[in-house]
Amino acid sequence: MNLFAQAVRVADLGLSVPQDLTTAFAAFASTNVDDFLVLIFLFSRGIRFRTVVLGQYLGFLAILLLSLLCALFAQTLPRIW
């Protein structure tokens, strides 16, 4: 399927890629405001940079893996649900 055919197919579904990307960016930014505040607090308390960054990566990895497991579990549910 060529690029034009894919674009037409997306248009048939009523999806707007720029609008979806804008919405995704706004949702990501708005849900991370509290994360920035926590980082400011941690750095102001004198906690080592390495510890904070490692905690951020490990926390994000844990959330990502949990989301992946939930998505895989959702695939096993009947379509009726």
C-alpha atoms as a PDB file:
ATOM      1  CA  MET A   1       0.000   0.000   0.000  1.00  0.00           C
ATOM      2  CA  ASN A   2       1.504   3.313  -1.023  1.00  0.00           C
ATOM      3  CA  LEU A   3       1.647   6.450   1.130  1.00  0.00           C
ATOM      4  CA  PHE A   4      -1.306   8.126  -0.617  1.00  0.00           C
ATOM      5  CA  ALA A   5      -3.507   5.082  -0.086  1.00  0.00           C
ATOM      6  CA  GLN A   6      -2.583   5.037   3.589  1.00  0.00           C
ATOM      7  CA  ALA A   7      -3.424   8.733   3.923  1.00  0.00           C
ATOM      8  CA  VAL A   8      -6.799   8.176   2.268  1.00  0.00           C
ATOM      9  CA  ARG A   9      -7.488   5.228   4.551  1.00  0.00           C
ATOM     10  CA  VAL A  10      -6.690   7.326   7.633  1.00  0.00           C
ATOM     11  CA  ALA A  11      -8.887  10.115   6.264  1.00  0.00           C
ATOM     12  CA  ASP A  12     -11.751   7.652   5.843  1.00  0.00           C
ATOM     13  CA  LEU A  13     -11.529   6.816   9.541  1.00  0.00           C
ATOM     14  CA  GLY A  14     -11.933  10.471  10.434  1.00  0.00           C
ATOM     15  CA  LEU A  15      -8.496  10.693  11.984  1.00  0.00           C
ATOM     16  CA  SER A  16      -6.479  13.863  11.788  1.00  0.00           C
ATOM     17  CA  VAL A  17      -2.801  13.149  12.299  1.00  0.00           C
ATOM     18  CA  PRO A  18      -1.770  16.754  13.157  1.00  0.00           C
ATOM     19  CA  GLN A  19      -4.684  17.074  15.558  1.00  0.00           C
ATOM     20  CA  ASP A  20      -3.888  13.699  17.149  1.00  0.00           C
ATOM     21  CA  LEU A  21      -0.219  14.622  17.546  1.00  0.00           C
ATOM     22  CA  THR A  22      -1.167  17.942  19.123  1.00  0.00           C
ATOM     23  CA  THR A  23      -3.535  16.203  21.524  1.00  0.00           C
ATOM     24  CA  ALA A  24      -0.907  13.593  22.408  1.00  0.00           C
ATOM     25  CA  PHE A  25       1.714  16.268  23.055  1.00  0.00           C
ATOM     26  CA  ALA A  26      -0.672  18.307  25.216  1.00  0.00           C
ATOM     27  CA  ALA A  27      -1.668  15.230  27.221  1.00  0.00           C
ATOM     28  CA  PHE A  28       1.955  14.221  27.760  1.00  0.00           C
ATOM     29  CA  ALA A  29       3.003  17.735  28.790  1.00  0.00           C
ATOM     30  CA  SER A  30       0.072  18.259  31.142  1.00  0.00           C
ATOM     31  CA  THR A  31       0.550  14.935  32.907  1.00  0.00           C
ATOM     32  CA  ASN A  32       4.252  15.622  33.455  1.00  0.00           C
ATOM     33  CA  VAL A  33       3.897  18.950  35.236  1.00  0.00           C
ATOM     34  CA  ASP A  34       3.900  17.172  38.592  1.00  0.00           C
ATOM     35  CA  ASP A  35       7.028  15.258  37.570  1.00  0.00           C
ATOM     36  CA  PHE A  36       8.867  18.533  36.972  1.00  0.00           C
ATOM     37  CA  LEU A  37       7.814  19.765  40.401  1.00  0.00           C
ATOM     38  CA  VAL A  38       9.109  16.582  42.027  1.00  0.00           C
ATOM     39  CA  LEU A  39      12.412  16.957  40.177  1.00  0.00           C
ATOM     40  CA  ILE A  40      12.741  20.551  41.334  1.00  0.00           C
ATOM     41  CA  PHE A  41      12.093  19.422  44.913  1.00  0.00           C
ATOM     42  CA  LEU A  42      14.614  16.576  44.723  1.00  0.00           C
ATOM     43  CA  PHE A  43      17.370  18.722  43.226  1.00  0.00           C
ATOM     44  CA  SER A  44      16.735  21.512  45.748  1.00  0.00           C
ATOM     45  CA  ARG A  45      17.175  19.001  48.587  1.00  0.00           C
ATOM     46  CA  GLY A  46      20.686  18.229  47.407  1.00  0.00           C
ATOM     47  CA  ILE A  47      20.042  14.687  46.249  1.00  0.00           C
ATOM     48  CA  ARG A  48      22.716  13.506  43.838  1.00  0.00           C
ATOM     49  CA  PHE A  49      22.027  14.055  40.159  1.00  0.00           C
ATOM     50  CA  ARG A  50      22.896  10.459  39.324  1.00  0.00           C
ATOM     51  CA  THR A  51      20.389   9.092  41.858  1.00  0.00           C
ATOM     52  CA  VAL A  52      17.565  11.285  40.575  1.00  0.00           C
ATOM     53  CA  VAL A  53      18.198  10.454  36.912  1.00  0.00           C
ATOM     54  CA  LEU A  54      18.501   6.734  37.629  1.00  0.00           C
ATOM     55  CA  GLY A  55      15.230   6.851  39.577  1.00  0.00           C
ATOM     56  CA  GLN A  56      13.531   8.655  36.693  1.00  0.00           C
ATOM     57  CA  TYR A  57      14.651   6.047  34.171  1.00  0.00           C
ATOM     58  CA  LEU A  58      13.745   3.108  36.402  1.00  0.00           C
ATOM     59  CA  GLY A  59      10.337   4.605  37.199  1.00  0.00           C
ATOM     60  CA  PHE A  60       9.578   5.284  33.538  1.00  0.00           C
ATOM     61  CA  LEU A  61      10.699   1.771  32.596  1.00  0.00           C
ATOM     62  CA  ALA A  62       8.423   0.273  35.265  1.00  0.00           C
ATOM     63  CA  ILE A  63       5.426   2.259  33.972  1.00  0.00           C
ATOM     64  CA  LEU A  64       6.247   1.284  30.391  1.00  0.00           C
ATOM     65  CA  LEU A  65       6.501  -2.420  31.237  1.00  0.00           C
ATOM     66  CA  LEU A  66       3.284  -2.333  33.238  1.00  0.00           C
ATOM     67  CA  SER A  67       1.491  -0.675  30.320  1.00  0.00           C
ATOM     68  CA  LEU A  68       2.855  -3.294  27.943  1.00  0.00           C
ATOM     69  CA  LEU A  69       1.675  -6.122  30.190  1.00  0.00           C
ATOM     70  CA  CYS A  70      -1.787  -4.566  30.455  1.00  0.00           C
ATOM     71  CA  ALA A  71      -1.957  -4.173  26.669  1.00  0.00           C
ATOM     72  CA  LEU A  72      -0.971  -7.800  26.167  1.00  0.00           C
ATOM     73  CA  PHE A  73      -3.559  -8.909  28.722  1.00  0.00           C
ATOM     74  CA  ALA A  74      -6.211  -6.806  26.975  1.00  0.00           C
ATOM     75  CA  GLN A  75      -5.530  -8.765  23.785  1.00  0.00           C
ATOM     76  CA  THR A  76      -6.664 -11.942  25.541  1.00  0.00           C
ATOM     77  CA  LEU A  77     -10.070 -10.526  26.462  1.00  0.00           C
ATOM     78  CA  PRO A  78     -13.081 -11.372  24.306  1.00  0.00           C
ATOM     79  CA  ARG A  79     -13.911  -8.750  21.664  1.00  0.00           C
ATOM     80  CA  ILE A  80     -17.405  -8.321  23.122  1.00  0.00           C
ATOM     81  CA  TRP A  81     -15.921  -6.540  26.114  1.00  0.00           C
END
